[in-house]
Structure formats: structure tokens, C-alpha cells
């Protein structure tokens, strides 16, 4: 039962984070007048979120199996550290010189924000799936 609930948590939180990311992209586009749809599609956003949260759920199961009493604490710390480490990608990303300058300027802050969506949704929804 724990495996099923954990996988369902991963899929549900990933889909929720993906939908929130699409909404955020729309709001960001309107507020900053920059469109990232040529760099990140809606399918990319949902796919990345679902992939990340499903992997997190599998990691959670593994950590809880190895450390039943301290598993939640260890997992939360690792998930947070991995999420922070993942922002190196958008910071270090280089675009081709012909890419729109607005996209190059605003992409890091946009992408860094999105990197936190999967973790936040997974942690927020966990109590509904895993007691």
C-alpha cells in the first residue's frame, strides 16, 4: 500500500506542479513581456515535474526502508539540497547568440523559480497520501 500511495503522490504532485508551472509561465509572460514557449513547452514543464516528483517518491520509499525512524527527516533534507543544487543548470545555461536577448536575460530567474515547484507540491501533498 505504501508503494502505491507513494507513486500516486509522485504523479499527483508532479501533475499539480506542472499545471502550476504552466500558469506561472503565463503570468510571467504577461508581467515581463517575455515568452519562453520556444525554450520550454507545456509538455516539457509537466514532464519535468512528473519525472522529478516520481523519482522523489521512489527515493522516499528507499530512504524510509533503510531508515524507518529518521527517513522523513533525511529525505526532506536531501530533497531540499538536490532542489537547490538543480538551480545550477539554469544559472550556467548558455544560449546561442542569435537567441532573443530578453529570453537570455530573464530565463535564469524564471527557470530557478520553476525548480522549486515539484519539491513544494510533493511536500505539501505528502500528508494526504502518506500518513
Foldseek 3Di string as FASTA:
>chain_A
DLLVLLQVLLQVLLQVLLVVLVVVQVVCCVVLVDHCCVPAPSCNSSVVLSVVSNVLSVVLVVQCVVPVPCSVVVSLVVSVVVLVVVLVCLVPDDDPPVPDPSCNVPVSVSVNVSSCSSVVSSVVCVVVRPD
